[in-house]
N, C-alpha and C. Protein backbone atom coordinates (compact mmCIF):
# COMPACT_ATOMS: atom_id res chain seq x y z
N MET A 1 4.64 -8.30 -4.49
CA MET A 1 4.05 -7.99 -3.20
C MET A 1 4.78 -8.82 -2.14
N TRP A 2 5.08 -8.17 -1.04
CA TRP A 2 5.72 -8.83 0.09
C TRP A 2 4.82 -8.71 1.31
N TYR A 3 4.74 -9.78 2.09
CA TYR A 3 4.01 -9.76 3.35
C TYR A 3 4.95 -9.31 4.45
N HIS A 4 4.51 -8.36 5.27
CA HIS A 4 5.36 -7.81 6.32
C HIS A 4 5.87 -8.90 7.26
N GLN A 5 5.04 -9.83 7.61
CA GLN A 5 5.43 -10.87 8.55
C GLN A 5 6.52 -11.79 8.01
N GLN A 6 6.70 -11.82 6.71
CA GLN A 6 7.72 -12.68 6.12
C GLN A 6 9.07 -11.99 5.98
N LEU A 7 9.13 -10.70 6.34
CA LEU A 7 10.37 -9.94 6.22
C LEU A 7 10.86 -9.50 7.59
N THR A 8 12.17 -9.46 7.75
CA THR A 8 12.75 -8.92 8.98
C THR A 8 12.75 -7.40 8.89
N LYS A 9 12.93 -6.73 10.02
CA LYS A 9 13.01 -5.27 10.01
C LYS A 9 14.14 -4.80 9.11
N ARG A 10 15.24 -5.52 9.15
CA ARG A 10 16.39 -5.16 8.33
C ARG A 10 16.08 -5.31 6.84
N ALA A 11 15.39 -6.38 6.47
CA ALA A 11 15.02 -6.61 5.08
C ALA A 11 14.07 -5.53 4.58
N VAL A 12 13.12 -5.13 5.42
CA VAL A 12 12.20 -4.05 5.04
C VAL A 12 12.98 -2.76 4.81
N ALA A 13 13.86 -2.42 5.74
CA ALA A 13 14.65 -1.19 5.62
C ALA A 13 15.52 -1.21 4.36
N THR A 14 16.11 -2.34 4.06
CA THR A 14 16.96 -2.46 2.87
C THR A 14 16.13 -2.29 1.60
N LYS A 15 14.98 -2.94 1.55
CA LYS A 15 14.12 -2.83 0.36
C LYS A 15 13.60 -1.40 0.17
N ILE A 16 13.31 -0.72 1.25
CA ILE A 16 12.87 0.68 1.15
C ILE A 16 14.01 1.54 0.64
N ARG A 17 15.19 1.34 1.19
CA ARG A 17 16.36 2.12 0.78
C ARG A 17 16.68 1.90 -0.71
N ARG A 18 16.51 0.68 -1.18
CA ARG A 18 16.78 0.34 -2.58
C ARG A 18 15.59 0.63 -3.49
N GLN A 19 14.55 1.18 -2.93
CA GLN A 19 13.30 1.52 -3.62
C GLN A 19 12.62 0.31 -4.24
N GLN A 20 12.80 -0.85 -3.62
CA GLN A 20 12.07 -2.04 -4.02
C GLN A 20 10.68 -2.03 -3.38
N ILE A 21 10.55 -1.31 -2.27
CA ILE A 21 9.27 -1.10 -1.60
C ILE A 21 8.98 0.39 -1.63
N VAL A 22 7.86 0.78 -2.24
CA VAL A 22 7.50 2.20 -2.30
C VAL A 22 6.11 2.48 -1.73
N LEU A 23 5.30 1.44 -1.58
CA LEU A 23 3.95 1.59 -1.04
C LEU A 23 3.65 0.45 -0.07
N ALA A 24 2.73 0.71 0.84
CA ALA A 24 2.29 -0.32 1.78
C ALA A 24 0.77 -0.46 1.65
N GLY A 25 0.28 -1.63 2.00
CA GLY A 25 -1.16 -1.85 1.90
C GLY A 25 -1.69 -2.70 3.03
N ASN A 26 -3.01 -2.66 3.17
CA ASN A 26 -3.70 -3.48 4.15
C ASN A 26 -4.36 -4.62 3.39
N ARG A 27 -3.90 -5.83 3.63
CA ARG A 27 -4.42 -6.95 2.83
C ARG A 27 -5.84 -7.33 3.21
N THR A 28 -6.30 -6.96 4.39
CA THR A 28 -7.68 -7.23 4.80
C THR A 28 -8.65 -6.28 4.10
N LEU A 29 -8.30 -5.00 4.09
CA LEU A 29 -9.17 -3.97 3.51
C LEU A 29 -8.91 -3.70 2.04
N LYS A 30 -7.79 -4.24 1.52
CA LYS A 30 -7.40 -4.03 0.12
C LYS A 30 -7.20 -2.55 -0.20
N ILE A 31 -6.46 -1.85 0.68
CA ILE A 31 -6.15 -0.43 0.52
C ILE A 31 -4.64 -0.29 0.49
N TYR A 32 -4.11 0.57 -0.40
CA TYR A 32 -2.67 0.85 -0.40
C TYR A 32 -2.43 2.34 -0.24
N GLY A 33 -1.26 2.68 0.29
CA GLY A 33 -0.91 4.09 0.49
C GLY A 33 0.59 4.27 0.62
N THR A 34 0.97 5.48 0.96
CA THR A 34 2.38 5.80 1.09
C THR A 34 2.95 5.18 2.36
N LEU A 35 4.26 5.07 2.41
CA LEU A 35 4.92 4.50 3.58
C LEU A 35 4.84 5.43 4.78
N THR A 36 4.58 6.71 4.55
CA THR A 36 4.53 7.69 5.63
C THR A 36 3.10 7.98 6.11
N CYS A 37 2.12 7.32 5.57
CA CYS A 37 0.72 7.55 5.94
C CYS A 37 0.49 7.19 7.40
N CYS A 38 -0.13 8.09 8.16
CA CYS A 38 -0.36 7.82 9.58
C CYS A 38 -1.37 6.69 9.77
N SER A 39 -2.30 6.52 8.85
CA SER A 39 -3.23 5.40 8.93
C SER A 39 -2.49 4.08 8.72
N GLY A 40 -1.58 4.08 7.78
CA GLY A 40 -0.81 2.87 7.49
C GLY A 40 0.14 2.50 8.61
N LYS A 41 0.66 3.50 9.30
CA LYS A 41 1.59 3.23 10.40
C LYS A 41 0.91 2.55 11.57
N ARG A 42 -0.40 2.73 11.72
CA ARG A 42 -1.16 2.10 12.81
C ARG A 42 -1.58 0.67 12.47
N MET A 43 -1.36 0.26 11.26
CA MET A 43 -1.78 -1.04 10.79
C MET A 43 -1.02 -2.18 11.49
N GLN A 44 -1.70 -3.26 11.72
CA GLN A 44 -1.07 -4.45 12.31
C GLN A 44 -0.13 -5.08 11.29
N PRO A 45 1.07 -5.48 11.70
CA PRO A 45 2.00 -6.13 10.76
C PRO A 45 1.40 -7.36 10.06
N ALA A 46 0.52 -8.07 10.72
CA ALA A 46 -0.11 -9.25 10.11
C ALA A 46 -0.96 -8.88 8.90
N SER A 47 -1.45 -7.65 8.86
CA SER A 47 -2.30 -7.19 7.76
C SER A 47 -1.53 -6.41 6.71
N ARG A 48 -0.27 -6.07 6.98
CA ARG A 48 0.49 -5.18 6.11
C ARG A 48 1.20 -5.93 4.99
N VAL A 49 1.11 -5.37 3.80
CA VAL A 49 1.84 -5.87 2.64
C VAL A 49 2.58 -4.69 2.01
N PHE A 50 3.60 -4.99 1.24
CA PHE A 50 4.39 -3.95 0.59
C PHE A 50 4.36 -4.16 -0.92
N PHE A 51 4.41 -3.03 -1.65
CA PHE A 51 4.39 -3.07 -3.11
C PHE A 51 5.58 -2.33 -3.69
N HIS A 52 5.99 -2.78 -4.87
CA HIS A 52 7.07 -2.12 -5.59
C HIS A 52 6.55 -0.91 -6.37
N SER A 53 5.29 -0.96 -6.78
CA SER A 53 4.74 0.13 -7.58
C SER A 53 3.23 0.24 -7.39
N GLU A 54 2.71 1.36 -7.81
CA GLU A 54 1.26 1.56 -7.76
C GLU A 54 0.56 0.60 -8.71
N ALA A 55 1.17 0.37 -9.86
CA ALA A 55 0.58 -0.55 -10.84
C ALA A 55 0.43 -1.95 -10.24
N GLU A 56 1.42 -2.38 -9.47
CA GLU A 56 1.35 -3.69 -8.82
C GLU A 56 0.18 -3.74 -7.83
N ALA A 57 0.02 -2.69 -7.04
CA ALA A 57 -1.07 -2.65 -6.07
C ALA A 57 -2.43 -2.70 -6.77
N LEU A 58 -2.58 -1.92 -7.81
CA LEU A 58 -3.85 -1.90 -8.55
C LEU A 58 -4.12 -3.25 -9.21
N GLU A 59 -3.08 -3.86 -9.75
CA GLU A 59 -3.21 -5.17 -10.39
C GLU A 59 -3.68 -6.24 -9.40
N MET A 60 -3.28 -6.09 -8.14
CA MET A 60 -3.65 -7.05 -7.10
C MET A 60 -5.03 -6.74 -6.51
N GLY A 61 -5.70 -5.70 -7.02
CA GLY A 61 -7.06 -5.39 -6.58
C GLY A 61 -7.16 -4.44 -5.40
N TYR A 62 -6.09 -3.71 -5.10
CA TYR A 62 -6.10 -2.75 -4.00
C TYR A 62 -6.55 -1.39 -4.51
N ARG A 63 -7.11 -0.58 -3.61
CA ARG A 63 -7.53 0.78 -3.96
C ARG A 63 -6.67 1.78 -3.21
N PRO A 64 -6.58 3.03 -3.71
CA PRO A 64 -5.78 4.06 -3.03
C PRO A 64 -6.37 4.47 -1.68
N CYS A 65 -5.52 4.86 -0.77
CA CYS A 65 -5.92 5.35 0.55
C CYS A 65 -6.56 6.73 0.41
N GLY A 66 -7.68 6.93 1.06
CA GLY A 66 -8.36 8.23 1.02
C GLY A 66 -7.70 9.26 1.91
N HIS A 67 -6.76 8.84 2.74
CA HIS A 67 -6.09 9.77 3.66
C HIS A 67 -4.81 10.35 3.06
N CYS A 68 -3.94 9.51 2.55
CA CYS A 68 -2.64 9.99 2.06
C CYS A 68 -2.57 10.14 0.55
N MET A 69 -3.53 9.59 -0.16
CA MET A 69 -3.54 9.65 -1.63
C MET A 69 -4.90 10.17 -2.10
N VAL A 70 -5.25 11.34 -1.62
CA VAL A 70 -6.60 11.90 -1.83
C VAL A 70 -6.96 11.98 -3.31
N GLU A 71 -6.08 12.53 -4.12
CA GLU A 71 -6.40 12.70 -5.54
C GLU A 71 -6.56 11.36 -6.25
N LYS A 72 -5.67 10.43 -5.97
CA LYS A 72 -5.78 9.09 -6.57
C LYS A 72 -7.06 8.39 -6.09
N TYR A 73 -7.42 8.61 -4.84
CA TYR A 73 -8.65 8.03 -4.29
C TYR A 73 -9.87 8.60 -5.02
N ARG A 74 -9.89 9.91 -5.22
CA ARG A 74 -11.02 10.54 -5.93
C ARG A 74 -11.14 9.99 -7.35
N GLU A 75 -9.99 9.84 -8.03
CA GLU A 75 -10.01 9.27 -9.38
C GLU A 75 -10.57 7.85 -9.35
N TRP A 76 -10.16 7.08 -8.36
CA TRP A 76 -10.63 5.70 -8.24
C TRP A 76 -12.14 5.66 -8.00
N ILE A 77 -12.62 6.49 -7.07
CA ILE A 77 -14.06 6.56 -6.78
C ILE A 77 -14.84 6.94 -8.03
N TYR A 78 -14.35 7.96 -8.74
CA TYR A 78 -15.03 8.42 -9.94
C TYR A 78 -15.09 7.31 -10.99
N SER A 79 -13.99 6.60 -11.16
CA SER A 79 -13.95 5.56 -12.19
C SER A 79 -14.83 4.36 -11.82
N THR A 80 -14.95 4.04 -10.54
CA THR A 80 -15.77 2.89 -10.15
C THR A 80 -17.26 3.22 -10.17
N HIS A 81 -17.62 4.46 -9.90
CA HIS A 81 -19.03 4.83 -9.88
C HIS A 81 -19.57 5.20 -11.25
N ARG A 82 -18.69 5.39 -12.20
CA ARG A 82 -19.11 5.73 -13.56
C ARG A 82 -19.60 4.51 -14.32
N LYS A 83 -19.18 3.34 -13.92
CA LYS A 83 -19.47 2.12 -14.69
C LYS A 83 -20.92 1.75 -14.67
């Protein structure tokens, strides 16, 4: 996981191009989503984190975005309410 504030714009672009960053998340709300999500694009850089994989985001306790990852969000909701 990388914190947006600790990376330069160039470093972020390089990591995205090299597919080291594939998802972004909100560290306050513990939500992750795609890099193209309109909700994620409005996020404050101080709250933004980046992930290499979905497994990494889930391992860190983040949940899928209900806007850009609808199916994954439904699966997450179903699995948490079944317990």
